[in-house]
C-alpha cells in the first residue's frame, strides 16, 4: 500500500526591501516631527504675549491643549498625509503638546516673565527688652512699642509691601509702605525677605508712648512684584491691657 505524500510547506521569504518607499516615509515623518515642534513654538510665543498683554492669562491653557489638534488641518498642506491612520496622528499631536508645555513654562518664568504671585510666609512680632529686640513669646501689652515683620518671597523681585489695619472691625490704618529689613538694621534683627513696620511713638496710629491701645487688631498685608502681580494676607492678634 502506497504512503500518502505529505504536503510540502512553502519556504518563507522576506518581502523585498523598497528603499525608495522607506526613504519617502522617513522624510515625511521627519517633516511632520519638525513642523510639530515649530508649530508648538509659535503657539507658545503667542500664549506668552497673551499672558503679558492681557488679563485672560488663564485661557492660554485651553489654547495650548487645543492647538495641537490643529495639526490635523495644517499638516496636509506641509506633507502628504493620505496614508495616515488614526494612530499616525497621535505622535505629532503629543509631541507638539509636550514642546508647547515645556517652552510655555520656560517663557512664564524669569527672566522672560513672572506670572506667579508673591508668597507670604510667617509673621513675627519683636519687642525690646534690656536693649535687645527679640520675638515676643508673651502677650503683647498696650503702649508697648513693637516691630511687626512679614516674610514675602517672589520668583523675581518684590516691588513693594504695604500694610493696613482695622480694630474691632473698623479701619484705623490705611495702606502704608513697609520697609525692607536690611542687614545692620537698628533692631539687630537678622532675617531674609522680611518687611517691617515699627509701631513706636512716632507712627501716626500709635499711642503717645508707642505701641497700640488695648483691642483686637486685624492687619492686611499687600505685596506687589515688578510684574504687577499682587497678593494679600491677613493676620489678627490682640493687644492686652497693661499689667497692674
C-alpha atoms as a PDB file:
ATOM      1  CA  UNK A   1       0.000   0.000   0.000  1.00  0.00           C
ATOM      2  CA  UNK A   2       1.481   3.309  -1.076  1.00  0.00           C
ATOM      3  CA  UNK A   3       2.078   6.013   1.562  1.00  0.00           C
ATOM      4  CA  UNK A   4       0.455   9.336   1.130  1.00  0.00           C
ATOM      5  CA  UNK A   5       2.847  12.069   0.422  1.00  0.00           C
ATOM      6  CA  UNK A   6       2.698  14.950   2.988  1.00  0.00           C
ATOM      7  CA  UNK A   7       2.064  18.473   1.844  1.00  0.00           C
ATOM      8  CA  UNK A   8       5.231  20.339   1.247  1.00  0.00           C
ATOM      9  CA  UNK A   9       5.428  23.588   3.179  1.00  0.00           C
ATOM     10  CA  UNK A  10       6.478  26.591   1.208  1.00  0.00           C
ATOM     11  CA  UNK A  11       9.586  28.340   2.477  1.00  0.00           C
ATOM     12  CA  UNK A  12       9.037  31.837   3.963  1.00  0.00           C
ATOM     13  CA  UNK A  13      10.683  34.634   2.081  1.00  0.00           C
ATOM     14  CA  UNK A  14      11.125  38.179   3.318  1.00  0.00           C
ATOM     15  CA  UNK A  15       9.481  40.854   1.208  1.00  0.00           C
ATOM     16  CA  UNK A  16      11.818  42.787  -0.978  1.00  0.00           C
ATOM     17  CA  UNK A  17      13.082  45.952   0.724  1.00  0.00           C
ATOM     18  CA  UNK A  18      11.810  49.008  -1.072  1.00  0.00           C
ATOM     19  CA  UNK A  19      14.480  51.606  -0.499  1.00  0.00           C
ATOM     20  CA  UNK A  20      12.584  54.402  -2.217  1.00  0.00           C
ATOM     21  CA  UNK A  21       9.395  53.835  -0.216  1.00  0.00           C
ATOM     22  CA  UNK A  22      11.358  53.677   3.035  1.00  0.00           C
ATOM     23  CA  UNK A  23      13.180  56.924   2.246  1.00  0.00           C
ATOM     24  CA  UNK A  24       9.933  58.664   1.345  1.00  0.00           C
ATOM     25  CA  UNK A  25       8.333  57.584   4.634  1.00  0.00           C
ATOM     26  CA  UNK A  26      11.323  58.699   6.712  1.00  0.00           C
ATOM     27  CA  UNK A  27      11.448  62.097   5.028  1.00  0.00           C
ATOM     28  CA  UNK A  28       7.718  62.521   5.600  1.00  0.00           C
ATOM     29  CA  UNK A  29       7.975  61.575   9.288  1.00  0.00           C
ATOM     30  CA  UNK A  30      10.912  63.952   9.758  1.00  0.00           C
ATOM     31  CA  UNK A  31       8.948  66.809   8.207  1.00  0.00           C
ATOM     32  CA  UNK A  32       5.979  66.027  10.429  1.00  0.00           C
ATOM     33  CA  UNK A  33       8.115  65.988  13.604  1.00  0.00           C
ATOM     34  CA  UNK A  34       9.957  69.206  12.750  1.00  0.00           C
ATOM     35  CA  UNK A  35       6.765  71.020  11.839  1.00  0.00           C
ATOM     36  CA  UNK A  36       5.019  69.809  15.013  1.00  0.00           C
ATOM     37  CA  UNK A  37       7.806  71.344  17.118  1.00  0.00           C
ATOM     38  CA  UNK A  38       7.862  74.557  15.066  1.00  0.00           C
ATOM     39  CA  UNK A  39       4.086  74.809  15.390  1.00  0.00           C
ATOM     40  CA  UNK A  40       4.376  74.372  19.182  1.00  0.00           C
ATOM     41  CA  UNK A  41       6.988  77.160  19.375  1.00  0.00           C
ATOM     42  CA  UNK A  42       4.671  79.559  17.509  1.00  0.00           C
ATOM     43  CA  UNK A  43       1.741  78.706  19.801  1.00  0.00           C
ATOM     44  CA  UNK A  44       3.913  79.066  22.944  1.00  0.00           C
ATOM     45  CA  UNK A  45       5.138  82.522  21.855  1.00  0.00           C
ATOM     46  CA  UNK A  46       1.548  83.614  21.145  1.00  0.00           C
ATOM     47  CA  UNK A  47       0.493  82.370  24.600  1.00  0.00           C
ATOM     48  CA  UNK A  48       3.427  84.216  26.169  1.00  0.00           C
ATOM     49  CA  UNK A  49       2.332  87.547  24.699  1.00  0.00           C
ATOM     50  CA  UNK A  50      -1.323  86.929  25.557  1.00  0.00           C
ATOM     51  CA  UNK A  51      -0.305  86.477  29.196  1.00  0.00           C
ATOM     52  CA  UNK A  52       1.887  89.607  29.194  1.00  0.00           C
ATOM     53  CA  UNK A  53      -0.505  91.917  27.355  1.00  0.00           C
ATOM     54  CA  UNK A  54      -3.990  90.857  28.519  1.00  0.00           C
ATOM     55  CA  UNK A  55      -5.882  89.839  31.652  1.00  0.00           C
ATOM     56  CA  UNK A  56      -7.015  86.462  30.263  1.00  0.00           C
ATOM     57  CA  UNK A  57      -3.825  84.581  31.069  1.00  0.00           C
ATOM     58  CA  UNK A  58      -5.662  81.511  32.344  1.00  0.00           C
ATOM     59  CA  UNK A  59      -7.279  80.948  28.946  1.00  0.00           C
ATOM     60  CA  UNK A  60      -3.954  80.133  27.305  1.00  0.00           C
ATOM     61  CA  UNK A  61      -4.045  76.707  28.966  1.00  0.00           C
ATOM     62  CA  UNK A  62      -7.087  75.807  26.875  1.00  0.00           C
ATOM     63  CA  UNK A  63      -5.365  77.224  23.793  1.00  0.00           C
ATOM     64  CA  UNK A  64      -2.317  75.077  24.485  1.00  0.00           C
ATOM     65  CA  UNK A  65      -4.464  71.957  24.899  1.00  0.00           C
ATOM     66  CA  UNK A  66      -6.500  72.571  21.749  1.00  0.00           C
ATOM     67  CA  UNK A  67      -3.788  73.890  19.421  1.00  0.00           C
ATOM     68  CA  UNK A  68      -2.028  70.533  18.731  1.00  0.00           C
ATOM     69  CA  UNK A  69      -5.222  69.189  17.141  1.00  0.00           C
ATOM     70  CA  UNK A  70      -4.906  71.952  14.581  1.00  0.00           C
ATOM     71  CA  UNK A  71      -2.126  69.874  13.022  1.00  0.00           C
ATOM     72  CA  UNK A  72      -4.817  67.636  11.556  1.00  0.00           C
ATOM     73  CA  UNK A  73      -5.900  70.569   9.378  1.00  0.00           C
ATOM     74  CA  UNK A  74      -2.481  72.110   8.722  1.00  0.00           C
ATOM     75  CA  UNK A  75      -0.172  69.129   8.112  1.00  0.00           C
ATOM     76  CA  UNK A  76      -1.783  68.118   4.778  1.00  0.00           C
ATOM     77  CA  UNK A  77      -0.503  71.438   3.380  1.00  0.00           C
ATOM     78  CA  UNK A  78       3.028  70.612   4.561  1.00  0.00           C
ATOM     79  CA  UNK A  79       3.399  66.975   3.510  1.00  0.00           C
ATOM     80  CA  UNK A  80       1.402  64.032   2.160  1.00  0.00           C
ATOM     81  CA  UNK A  81      -0.757  62.581   4.941  1.00  0.00           C
ATOM     82  CA  UNK A  82      -3.042  60.497   2.720  1.00  0.00           C
ATOM     83  CA  UNK A  83      -1.680  57.274   4.229  1.00  0.00           C
ATOM     84  CA  UNK A  84      -2.046  58.485   7.817  1.00  0.00           C
ATOM     85  CA  UNK A  85      -4.228  56.358  10.054  1.00  0.00           C
ATOM     86  CA  UNK A  86      -5.593  57.471  13.401  1.00  0.00           C
ATOM     87  CA  UNK A  87      -2.555  56.116  15.253  1.00  0.00           C
ATOM     88  CA  UNK A  88      -0.212  58.106  12.996  1.00  0.00           C
ATOM     89  CA  UNK A  89      -1.689  61.373  14.251  1.00  0.00           C
ATOM     90  CA  UNK A  90      -1.012  60.630  17.909  1.00  0.00           C
ATOM     91  CA  UNK A  91       2.769  61.110  17.589  1.00  0.00           C
ATOM     92  CA  UNK A  92       2.872  64.665  16.169  1.00  0.00           C
ATOM     93  CA  UNK A  93      -0.046  65.853  18.313  1.00  0.00           C
ATOM     94  CA  UNK A  94       1.536  64.584  21.536  1.00  0.00           C
ATOM     95  CA  UNK A  95       4.983  65.865  20.535  1.00  0.00           C
ATOM     96  CA  UNK A  96       3.554  69.296  19.771  1.00  0.00           C
ATOM     97  CA  UNK A  97       1.783  69.422  23.134  1.00  0.00           C
ATOM     98  CA  UNK A  98       4.937  68.495  25.074  1.00  0.00           C
ATOM     99  CA  UNK A  99       7.013  71.042  23.161  1.00  0.00           C
ATOM    100  CA  UNK A 100       4.412  73.751  23.816  1.00  0.00           C
ATOM    101  CA  UNK A 101       4.196  72.887  27.513  1.00  0.00           C
ATOM    102  CA  UNK A 102       7.969  72.934  28.038  1.00  0.00           C
ATOM    103  CA  UNK A 103       8.504  76.200  26.175  1.00  0.00           C
ATOM    104  CA  UNK A 104       5.490  77.908  27.745  1.00  0.00           C
ATOM    105  CA  UNK A 105       6.730  77.040  31.251  1.00  0.00           C
ATOM    106  CA  UNK A 106      10.147  78.420  30.303  1.00  0.00           C
ATOM    107  CA  UNK A 107       8.655  81.660  28.961  1.00  0.00           C
ATOM    108  CA  UNK A 108       6.439  82.041  32.035  1.00  0.00           C
ATOM    109  CA  UNK A 109       9.373  82.302  34.431  1.00  0.00           C
ATOM    110  CA  UNK A 110      12.183  84.818  34.894  1.00  0.00           C
ATOM    111  CA  UNK A 111      13.931  86.291  33.049  1.00  0.00           C
ATOM    112  CA  UNK A 112      11.255  86.091  30.331  1.00  0.00           C
ATOM    113  CA  UNK A 113       8.205  86.649  32.508  1.00  0.00           C
ATOM    114  CA  UNK A 114       6.808  86.259  36.010  1.00  0.00           C
ATOM    115  CA  UNK A 115       3.187  85.178  36.357  1.00  0.00           C
ATOM    116  CA  UNK A 116       3.426  83.937  39.937  1.00  0.00           C
ATOM    117  CA  UNK A 117       2.041  85.979  42.807  1.00  0.00           C
ATOM    118  CA  UNK A 118       4.274  86.900  45.745  1.00  0.00           C
ATOM    119  CA  UNK A 119       4.071  84.386  48.575  1.00  0.00           C
ATOM    120  CA  UNK A 120       3.629  85.298  52.217  1.00  0.00           C
ATOM    121  CA  UNK A 121       5.188  83.220  54.912  1.00  0.00           C
ATOM    122  CA  UNK A 122       5.416  83.833  58.645  1.00  0.00           C
ATOM    123  CA  UNK A 123       4.562  86.991  60.540  1.00  0.00           C
ATOM    124  CA  UNK A 124       6.680  87.892  63.562  1.00  0.00           C
ATOM    125  CA  UNK A 125       6.396  90.468  66.347  1.00  0.00           C
ATOM    126  CA  UNK A 126       9.519  91.808  68.053  1.00  0.00           C
ATOM    127  CA  UNK A 127       9.646  93.765  71.314  1.00  0.00           C
ATOM    128  CA  UNK A 128      12.581  95.325  73.097  1.00  0.00           C
ATOM    129  CA  UNK A 129      13.866  94.041  76.410  1.00  0.00           C
ATOM    130  CA  UNK A 130      17.105  95.169  78.066  1.00  0.00           C
ATOM    131  CA  UNK A 131      18.234  96.806  74.835  1.00  0.00           C
ATOM    132  CA  UNK A 132      17.670  93.670  72.753  1.00  0.00           C
ATOM    133  CA  UNK A 133      14.922  93.079  70.200  1.00  0.00           C
ATOM    134  CA  UNK A 134      13.502  89.560  70.395  1.00  0.00           C
ATOM    135  CA  UNK A 135      10.470  87.688  69.094  1.00  0.00           C
ATOM    136  CA  UNK A 136       7.767  88.088  71.689  1.00  0.00           C
ATOM    137  CA  UNK A 137       6.570  84.870  73.293  1.00  0.00           C
ATOM    138  CA  UNK A 138       4.251  86.606  75.745  1.00  0.00           C
ATOM    139  CA  UNK A 139       1.017  88.541  75.400  1.00  0.00           C
ATOM    140  CA  UNK A 140       1.572  91.915  73.739  1.00  0.00           C
ATOM    141  CA  UNK A 141       0.567  94.752  76.070  1.00  0.00           C
ATOM    142  CA  UNK A 142      -0.785  98.187  75.208  1.00  0.00           C
ATOM    143  CA  UNK A 143       1.608 101.129  74.961  1.00  0.00           C
ATOM    144  CA  UNK A 144       4.442  98.696  74.171  1.00  0.00           C
ATOM    145  CA  UNK A 145       6.469  99.634  71.072  1.00  0.00           C
ATOM    146  CA  UNK A 146       6.897  96.681  68.719  1.00  0.00           C
ATOM    147  CA  UNK A 147       8.128  95.772  65.265  1.00  0.00           C
ATOM    148  CA  UNK A 148       5.765  93.846  63.009  1.00  0.00           C
ATOM    149  CA  UNK A 149       7.544  91.764  60.361  1.00  0.00           C
ATOM    150  CA  UNK A 150       6.204  89.732  57.455  1.00  0.00           C
ATOM    151  CA  UNK A 151       8.156  87.369  55.199  1.00  0.00           C
ATOM    152  CA  UNK A 152       7.473  87.747  51.457  1.00  0.00           C
ATOM    153  CA  UNK A 153       9.084  85.834  48.588  1.00  0.00           C
ATOM    154  CA  UNK A 154       8.726  86.046  44.825  1.00  0.00           C
ATOM    155  CA  UNK A 155      10.094  84.354  41.688  1.00  0.00           C
ATOM    156  CA  UNK A 156      11.741  87.585  40.632  1.00  0.00           C
ATOM    157  CA  UNK A 157      11.672  90.833  42.619  1.00  0.00           C
ATOM    158  CA  UNK A 158       9.242  92.383  45.103  1.00  0.00           C
ATOM    159  CA  UNK A 159       8.323  95.957  44.202  1.00  0.00           C
ATOM    160  CA  UNK A 160       6.592  96.942  47.443  1.00  0.00           C
ATOM    161  CA  UNK A 161       4.809  95.623  50.523  1.00  0.00           C
ATOM    162  CA  UNK A 162       2.059  97.628  52.232  1.00  0.00           C
ATOM    163  CA  UNK A 163       0.127  97.258  55.468  1.00  0.00           C
ATOM    164  CA  UNK A 164      -3.344  98.386  56.539  1.00  0.00           C
ATOM    165  CA  UNK A 165      -5.207  97.731  59.758  1.00  0.00           C
ATOM    166  CA  UNK A 166      -8.550  97.610  61.497  1.00  0.00           C
ATOM    167  CA  UNK A 167      -9.594  97.249  65.117  1.00  0.00           C
ATOM    168  CA  UNK A 168     -12.913  95.842  66.305  1.00  0.00           C
ATOM    169  CA  UNK A 169     -13.963  95.631  62.665  1.00  0.00           C
ATOM    170  CA  UNK A 170     -13.372  99.331  61.871  1.00  0.00           C
ATOM    171  CA  UNK A 171     -10.470 100.623  59.798  1.00  0.00           C
ATOM    172  CA  UNK A 172      -7.962 102.779  61.594  1.00  0.00           C
ATOM    173  CA  UNK A 173      -4.911 102.482  59.347  1.00  0.00           C
ATOM    174  CA  UNK A 174      -4.924 102.904  55.558  1.00  0.00           C
ATOM    175  CA  UNK A 175      -2.298 101.236  53.390  1.00  0.00           C
ATOM    176  CA  UNK A 176       1.213 102.473  54.143  1.00  0.00           C
ATOM    177  CA  UNK A 177       4.526 101.244  52.828  1.00  0.00           C
ATOM    178  CA  UNK A 178       6.562  98.777  54.830  1.00  0.00           C
ATOM    179  CA  UNK A 179      10.352  98.903  54.860  1.00  0.00           C
ATOM    180  CA  UNK A 180      12.576  96.064  53.770  1.00  0.00           C
ATOM    181  CA  UNK A 181      14.680  94.662  56.582  1.00  0.00           C
ATOM    182  CA  UNK A 182      18.298  95.234  55.611  1.00  0.00           C
ATOM    183  CA  UNK A 183      21.483  93.917  57.168  1.00  0.00           C
ATOM    184  CA  UNK A 184      22.737  96.041  60.040  1.00  0.00           C
ATOM    185  CA  UNK A 185      19.270  97.391  60.832  1.00  0.00           C
ATOM    186  CA  UNK A 186      18.579  99.363  64.021  1.00  0.00           C
ATOM    187  CA  UNK A 187      16.857  96.421  65.672  1.00  0.00           C
ATOM    188  CA  UNK A 188      19.703  93.970  65.223  1.00  0.00           C
ATOM    189  CA  UNK A 189      17.299  91.522  63.565  1.00  0.00           C
ATOM    190  CA  UNK A 190      18.854  89.107  61.087  1.00  0.00           C
ATOM    191  CA  UNK A 191      16.424  87.670  58.510  1.00  0.00           C
ATOM    192  CA  UNK A 192      15.947  87.424  54.741  1.00  0.00           C
ATOM    193  CA  UNK A 193      12.973  88.530  52.628  1.00  0.00           C
ATOM    194  CA  UNK A 194      11.399  90.384  55.552  1.00  0.00           C
ATOM    195  CA  UNK A 195       9.467  93.670  55.576  1.00  0.00           C
ATOM    196  CA  UNK A 196       8.639  95.587  58.726  1.00  0.00           C
ATOM    197  CA  UNK A 197       6.575  98.377  60.239  1.00  0.00           C
ATOM    198  CA  UNK A 198       7.689  99.970  63.505  1.00  0.00           C
ATOM    199  CA  UNK A 199       4.897 100.839  65.940  1.00  0.00           C
ATOM    200  CA  UNK A 200       6.706 103.396  68.086  1.00  0.00           C
ATOM    201  CA  UNK A 201       5.808 106.825  69.434  1.00  0.00           C
ATOM    202  CA  UNK A 202       6.314 108.436  66.016  1.00  0.00           C
ATOM    203  CA  UNK A 203       3.843 106.388  63.980  1.00  0.00           C
ATOM    204  CA  UNK A 204       0.557 108.150  63.163  1.00  0.00           C
ATOM    205  CA  UNK A 205      -1.720 105.451  64.588  1.00  0.00           C
ATOM    206  CA  UNK A 206       0.251 104.676  67.744  1.00  0.00           C
ATOM    207  CA  UNK A 207      -0.232 105.869  71.295  1.00  0.00           C
ATOM    208  CA  UNK A 208       1.971 108.609  72.712  1.00  0.00           C
ATOM    209  CA  UNK A 209       4.268 106.082  74.355  1.00  0.00           C
ATOM    210  CA  UNK A 210       4.365 103.860  71.291  1.00  0.00           C
ATOM    211  CA  UNK A 211       2.531 100.681  70.521  1.00  0.00           C
ATOM    212  CA  UNK A 212      -1.235 100.340  70.281  1.00  0.00           C
ATOM    213  CA  UNK A 213      -4.119 100.556  72.710  1.00  0.00           C
ATOM    214  CA  UNK A 214      -5.952  97.520  74.009  1.00  0.00           C
ATOM    215  CA  UNK A 215      -8.081  95.972  71.249  1.00  0.00           C
ATOM    216  CA  UNK A 216      -8.346  93.191  68.676  1.00  0.00           C
ATOM    217  CA  UNK A 217      -6.423  94.153  65.541  1.00  0.00           C
ATOM    218  CA  UNK A 218      -6.528  92.756  62.036  1.00  0.00           C
ATOM    219  CA  UNK A 219      -3.701  93.690  59.689  1.00  0.00           C
ATOM    220  CA  UNK A 220      -3.817  93.177  55.936  1.00  0.00           C
ATOM    221  CA  UNK A 221      -0.558  92.898  54.028  1.00  0.00           C
ATOM    222  CA  UNK A 222      -0.376  93.529  50.289  1.00  0.00           C
ATOM    223  CA  UNK A 223       2.686  92.585  48.235  1.00  0.00           C
ATOM    224  CA  UNK A 224       3.266  93.612  44.605  1.00  0.00           C
ATOM    225  CA  UNK A 225       6.101  92.320  42.438  1.00  0.00           C
ATOM    226  CA  UNK A 226       7.804  94.033  39.494  1.00  0.00           C
ATOM    227  CA  UNK A 227       5.397  92.390  37.017  1.00  0.00           C
ATOM    228  CA  UNK A 228       2.457  93.884  38.962  1.00  0.00           C
ATOM    229  CA  UNK A 229       1.334  90.516  40.340  1.00  0.00           C
ATOM    230  CA  UNK A 230      -0.165  91.079  43.785  1.00  0.00           C
ATOM    231  CA  UNK A 231      -1.212  89.032  46.774  1.00  0.00           C
ATOM    232  CA  UNK A 232      -2.695  89.771  50.193  1.00  0.00           C
ATOM    233  CA  UNK A 233      -2.510  88.130  53.603  1.00  0.00           C
ATOM    234  CA  UNK A 234      -4.408  88.889  56.782  1.00  0.00           C
ATOM    235  CA  UNK A 235      -3.408  88.334  60.397  1.00  0.00           C
ATOM    236  CA  UNK A 236      -5.326  89.026  63.600  1.00  0.00           C
ATOM    237  CA  UNK A 237      -3.944  89.406  67.111  1.00  0.00           C
ATOM    238  CA  UNK A 238      -4.914  91.016  70.421  1.00  0.00           C
ATOM    239  CA  UNK A 239      -3.298  93.832  72.368  1.00  0.00           C
ATOM    240  CA  UNK A 240      -3.892  93.186  76.062  1.00  0.00           C
ATOM    241  CA  UNK A 241      -4.187  95.760  78.863  1.00  0.00           C
ATOM    242  CA  UNK A 242      -1.208  96.731  80.932  1.00  0.00           C
ATOM    243  CA  UNK A 243      -0.297  94.519  83.807  1.00  0.00           C
ATOM    244  CA  UNK A 244      -1.201  96.026  87.145  1.00  0.00           C
END
